[in-house]
Amino acid sequence: MARPYLPAILVLLAAPMSGCGLVSDADETFYFGEKRQPVELEYQYVALANELQSIKPCYLIHPRSLRAGAFGSVGSQVSLNRSTCFAWVAEGSGNEKPCDKVRSASTLFLSGADLNAETCRRNARVPGMVSLRLDVPAIVVLAGYEEEEIDAYLVSEGRFSGIEAAKSYRRDQPSTYWNEVQMTLLHTEQFFDRIGRLPGFGTAEDQATMNALRWEPRQQRLWTLPEQRTRSVPEIRVPAPSERE
């Protein structure tokens, strides 16, 4: 004998599933054991890419590194960390090209289908850079810089009057010192080349793609020299290409 209430039960069961990852139209769906929990360093690479407005650090992120938030709206509950990185660069720079690399993702119960390449392109058409927390001291150490090397660079750029002044600020006013590093050293061709030294979680192909990218200087806002800081009007500077022997 047929059970007339069975179709109704199936409809009720299907309704909550309609927005879940299982039936999502995301580019990629991850089931048990396929995804990878991001580590803190991968979030730092997103912040670094955002700061540099370059996709190069994005390739250091594991391709299956998945960031999830169950309380987000359906369609934006989960995303690939690398795709988030590409999207931040695109939206901050107003360049839609990185959006071509953005892939939406879903899991068995969470959907991130709306965080796709087209959403990235729409956001990039109204560019606006957001500051992300970047651990500058940790990043430059991982890139192979010594404190003395950084001091010497800042002095050579005229940001401090001498080595002792640089040391003093690094010791007594670290936030000012590392802000100088972030505004200057991180935006040089030398640092760009050293990004490949940072610990990576990608594949050999990712490493090759990253190494093929070329540095592109962009305007930087530099504040008044720390030792002369009586006002807060920034200056505009375009980093010069490094001299290669």
Protein backbone atom coordinates (compact mmCIF):
# COMPACT_ATOMS: atom_id res chain seq x y z
CA MET A 1 0.00 0.00 0.00
CA ALA A 2 1.34 3.40 -0.97
CA ARG A 3 2.19 5.84 1.75
CA PRO A 4 0.77 9.24 0.73
CA TYR A 5 2.89 11.13 3.25
CA LEU A 6 6.21 9.87 1.87
CA PRO A 7 6.56 12.58 -0.87
CA ALA A 8 5.87 15.26 1.72
CA ILE A 9 8.61 13.89 3.98
CA LEU A 10 11.06 13.86 1.07
CA VAL A 11 10.22 17.48 0.28
CA LEU A 12 10.79 18.47 3.90
CA LEU A 13 14.12 16.67 3.92
CA ALA A 14 15.21 18.24 0.64
CA ALA A 15 14.36 21.80 1.68
CA PRO A 16 17.17 22.27 4.22
CA MET A 17 19.57 20.52 1.87
CA SER A 18 18.88 22.96 -0.97
CA GLY A 19 21.46 25.41 0.31
CA CYS A 20 24.04 22.94 1.57
CA GLY A 21 27.26 21.94 -0.08
CA LEU A 22 25.98 18.55 -1.19
CA VAL A 23 23.73 20.10 -3.84
CA SER A 24 25.72 23.31 -4.33
CA ASP A 25 26.82 24.48 -7.77
CA ALA A 26 30.28 25.48 -6.47
CA ASP A 27 33.31 24.88 -8.66
CA GLU A 28 34.69 22.32 -6.20
CA THR A 29 33.04 20.18 -3.52
CA PHE A 30 35.10 18.73 -0.68
CA TYR A 31 34.03 15.63 1.21
CA PHE A 32 35.52 13.95 4.26
CA GLY A 33 39.30 13.92 4.30
CA GLU A 34 39.71 15.98 1.13
CA LYS A 35 39.99 19.45 2.69
CA ARG A 36 42.80 20.94 4.75
CA GLN A 37 42.53 23.25 7.75
CA PRO A 38 44.50 26.48 7.13
CA VAL A 39 47.48 27.26 9.34
CA GLU A 40 48.21 30.78 10.61
CA LEU A 41 51.06 31.28 8.15
CA GLU A 42 48.67 30.84 5.23
CA TYR A 43 46.52 33.68 6.55
CA GLN A 44 49.69 35.75 6.72
CA TYR A 45 50.30 35.05 3.04
CA VAL A 46 46.83 36.40 2.25
CA ALA A 47 47.69 39.57 4.19
CA LEU A 48 51.06 39.83 2.43
CA ALA A 49 49.47 39.48 -1.02
CA ASN A 50 46.95 42.15 -0.07
CA GLU A 51 49.73 44.48 1.09
CA LEU A 52 51.81 43.99 -2.05
CA GLN A 53 48.79 43.80 -4.37
CA SER A 54 50.51 40.78 -5.91
CA ILE A 55 49.27 37.20 -6.33
CA LYS A 56 52.76 35.79 -5.77
CA PRO A 57 52.27 34.94 -2.06
CA CYS A 58 48.97 33.23 -2.90
CA TYR A 59 50.88 30.32 -4.44
CA LEU A 60 52.45 29.59 -1.04
CA ILE A 61 48.99 28.55 0.23
CA HIS A 62 47.94 24.91 0.02
CA PRO A 63 45.48 24.43 -2.90
CA ARG A 64 43.02 22.61 -0.62
CA SER A 65 43.30 24.95 2.35
CA LEU A 66 39.68 25.64 3.23
CA ARG A 67 38.36 28.38 5.52
CA ALA A 68 34.83 27.81 6.85
CA GLY A 69 32.26 29.77 8.84
CA ALA A 70 29.07 27.84 9.49
CA PHE A 71 27.19 30.97 10.59
CA GLY A 72 27.70 32.82 7.31
CA SER A 73 24.90 33.16 4.80
CA VAL A 74 24.30 30.22 2.50
CA GLY A 75 26.65 30.56 -0.46
CA SER A 76 29.39 32.29 1.53
CA GLN A 77 30.03 29.82 4.35
CA VAL A 78 33.25 28.37 3.01
CA SER A 79 36.05 29.36 0.65
CA LEU A 80 39.41 28.18 -0.59
CA ASN A 81 42.09 30.21 1.15
CA ARG A 82 44.07 30.62 -2.06
CA SER A 83 41.01 31.87 -3.93
CA THR A 84 40.37 34.34 -1.12
CA CYS A 85 43.94 35.53 -1.63
CA PHE A 86 43.43 36.05 -5.37
CA ALA A 87 40.17 37.88 -4.68
CA TRP A 88 41.74 40.28 -2.15
CA VAL A 89 44.40 41.24 -4.69
CA ALA A 90 41.83 41.76 -7.44
CA GLU A 91 39.50 43.82 -5.28
CA GLY A 92 42.28 45.92 -3.78
CA SER A 93 43.93 46.71 -7.10
CA GLY A 94 40.84 46.95 -9.30
CA ASN A 95 42.41 44.37 -11.61
CA GLU A 96 39.95 41.64 -12.62
CA LYS A 97 42.61 39.30 -13.99
CA PRO A 98 43.32 37.47 -10.68
CA CYS A 99 39.60 36.62 -10.54
CA ASP A 100 40.18 34.09 -13.32
CA LYS A 101 41.96 31.97 -10.72
CA VAL A 102 39.17 32.17 -8.11
CA ARG A 103 37.34 28.87 -7.48
CA SER A 104 34.23 28.58 -5.33
CA ALA A 105 34.04 25.68 -2.90
CA SER A 106 31.55 23.74 -0.82
CA THR A 107 31.64 20.92 1.69
CA LEU A 108 29.05 18.28 2.50
CA PHE A 109 27.07 20.72 4.67
CA LEU A 110 28.39 24.20 3.84
CA SER A 111 28.10 26.16 0.61
CA GLY A 112 30.51 28.75 -0.75
CA ALA A 113 29.07 28.81 -4.26
CA ASP A 114 28.59 32.60 -4.28
CA LEU A 115 32.28 33.30 -3.60
CA ASN A 116 33.16 32.70 -7.22
CA ALA A 117 35.07 34.38 -10.04
CA GLU A 118 32.10 36.50 -11.13
CA THR A 119 31.60 37.88 -7.62
CA CYS A 120 35.31 38.70 -7.55
CA ARG A 121 35.02 40.59 -10.85
CA ARG A 122 32.05 42.62 -9.62
CA ASN A 123 33.93 43.62 -6.48
CA ALA A 124 37.08 44.46 -8.46
CA ARG A 125 35.09 46.97 -10.53
CA VAL A 126 34.65 48.99 -7.34
CA PRO A 127 38.19 48.68 -5.92
CA GLY A 128 38.89 49.36 -2.29
CA MET A 129 41.86 48.04 -0.35
CA VAL A 130 41.28 46.80 3.21
CA SER A 131 44.14 46.52 5.68
CA LEU A 132 44.77 43.00 6.99
CA ARG A 133 46.89 42.15 10.01
CA LEU A 134 50.40 41.37 8.80
CA ASP A 135 53.15 40.11 11.09
CA VAL A 136 55.97 42.01 9.40
CA PRO A 137 58.82 40.92 11.74
CA ALA A 138 57.95 37.24 11.26
CA ILE A 139 57.63 37.55 7.48
CA VAL A 140 60.97 39.30 6.93
CA VAL A 141 62.79 36.82 9.17
CA LEU A 142 61.27 33.91 7.21
CA ALA A 143 62.41 35.67 4.02
CA GLY A 144 65.99 35.50 5.30
CA TYR A 145 66.58 39.06 6.49
CA GLU A 146 68.84 39.82 9.46
CA GLU A 147 68.16 42.79 11.75
CA GLU A 148 71.42 44.47 10.72
CA GLU A 149 70.49 44.11 7.06
CA ILE A 150 67.11 45.74 7.64
CA ASP A 151 68.67 48.58 9.65
CA ALA A 152 71.16 49.24 6.87
CA TYR A 153 68.42 49.29 4.24
CA LEU A 154 66.29 51.80 6.16
CA VAL A 155 69.31 54.06 6.63
CA SER A 156 70.23 53.79 2.94
CA GLU A 157 66.70 54.88 2.06
CA GLY A 158 66.98 57.86 4.36
CA ARG A 159 64.27 56.64 6.73
CA PHE A 160 66.66 56.92 9.68
CA SER A 161 69.66 59.19 10.14
CA GLY A 162 72.01 56.35 11.05
CA ILE A 163 72.36 52.75 12.23
CA GLU A 164 72.11 53.71 15.90
CA ALA A 165 68.87 55.59 15.27
CA ALA A 166 67.43 52.57 13.45
CA LYS A 167 68.46 50.26 16.30
CA SER A 168 66.94 52.64 18.82
CA TYR A 169 63.58 52.71 17.06
CA ARG A 170 63.61 48.92 16.62
CA ARG A 171 64.19 48.52 20.35
CA ASP A 172 62.12 51.36 21.83
CA GLN A 173 59.47 52.11 19.19
CA PRO A 174 58.97 48.81 17.35
CA SER A 175 55.59 49.70 15.86
CA THR A 176 57.11 52.74 14.12
CA TYR A 177 60.16 50.76 13.00
CA TRP A 178 58.22 47.84 11.52
CA ASN A 179 55.76 50.17 9.88
CA GLU A 180 58.73 51.70 8.04
CA VAL A 181 59.76 48.20 6.96
CA GLN A 182 56.25 47.47 5.74
CA MET A 183 56.03 50.69 3.72
CA THR A 184 59.48 50.42 2.15
CA LEU A 185 61.36 47.11 2.25
CA LEU A 186 58.32 44.91 1.54
CA HIS A 187 57.69 46.82 -1.68
CA THR A 188 61.15 46.37 -3.14
CA GLU A 189 62.16 44.05 -5.94
CA GLN A 190 64.64 42.40 -3.59
CA PHE A 191 61.92 41.36 -1.15
CA PHE A 192 59.68 40.27 -4.03
CA ASP A 193 62.42 37.90 -5.16
CA ARG A 194 62.75 36.54 -1.63
CA ILE A 195 59.08 35.56 -1.38
CA GLY A 196 60.13 32.24 -2.88
CA ARG A 197 62.18 31.58 0.27
CA LEU A 198 59.10 31.64 2.50
CA PRO A 199 57.80 28.24 3.66
CA GLY A 200 55.28 27.08 1.10
CA PHE A 201 52.41 24.61 1.16
CA GLY A 202 51.82 24.41 -2.58
CA THR A 203 53.00 22.05 -5.29
CA ALA A 204 56.12 22.11 -7.43
CA GLU A 205 53.96 23.55 -10.21
CA ASP A 206 52.83 26.34 -7.86
CA GLN A 207 56.46 27.12 -7.09
CA ALA A 208 57.30 27.34 -10.79
CA THR A 209 54.32 29.61 -11.46
CA MET A 210 55.30 31.84 -8.56
CA ASN A 211 58.92 32.08 -9.68
CA ALA A 212 57.83 33.16 -13.15
CA LEU A 213 56.01 36.23 -11.84
CA ARG A 214 57.76 39.57 -12.26
CA TRP A 215 57.92 42.51 -9.86
CA GLU A 216 55.85 45.56 -10.75
CA PRO A 217 56.54 48.75 -8.75
CA ARG A 218 53.58 50.77 -7.56
CA GLN A 219 53.14 54.05 -5.73
CA GLN A 220 53.69 53.98 -2.00
CA ARG A 221 52.52 56.46 0.61
CA LEU A 222 55.45 57.25 2.89
CA TRP A 223 54.92 59.19 6.09
CA THR A 224 57.25 61.86 7.39
CA LEU A 225 60.59 60.51 8.61
CA PRO A 226 60.21 59.10 12.14
CA GLU A 227 62.88 61.43 13.55
CA GLN A 228 61.13 64.44 12.02
CA ARG A 229 57.55 63.41 12.67
CA THR A 230 55.81 66.62 13.65
CA ARG A 231 53.08 66.32 11.03
CA SER A 232 51.26 63.45 9.33
CA VAL A 233 51.18 64.24 5.63
CA PRO A 234 52.35 61.28 3.53
CA GLU A 235 54.50 61.56 0.45
CA ILE A 236 54.11 59.50 -2.72
CA ARG A 237 56.98 57.39 -4.01
CA VAL A 238 57.44 54.75 -6.70
CA PRO A 239 60.14 52.23 -5.75
CA ALA A 240 63.02 52.15 -8.20
CA PRO A 241 64.01 48.82 -9.78
CA SER A 242 66.95 47.23 -8.04
CA GLU A 243 70.26 47.27 -9.86
CA ARG A 244 71.39 43.85 -11.01
CA GLU A 245 74.96 43.07 -11.80
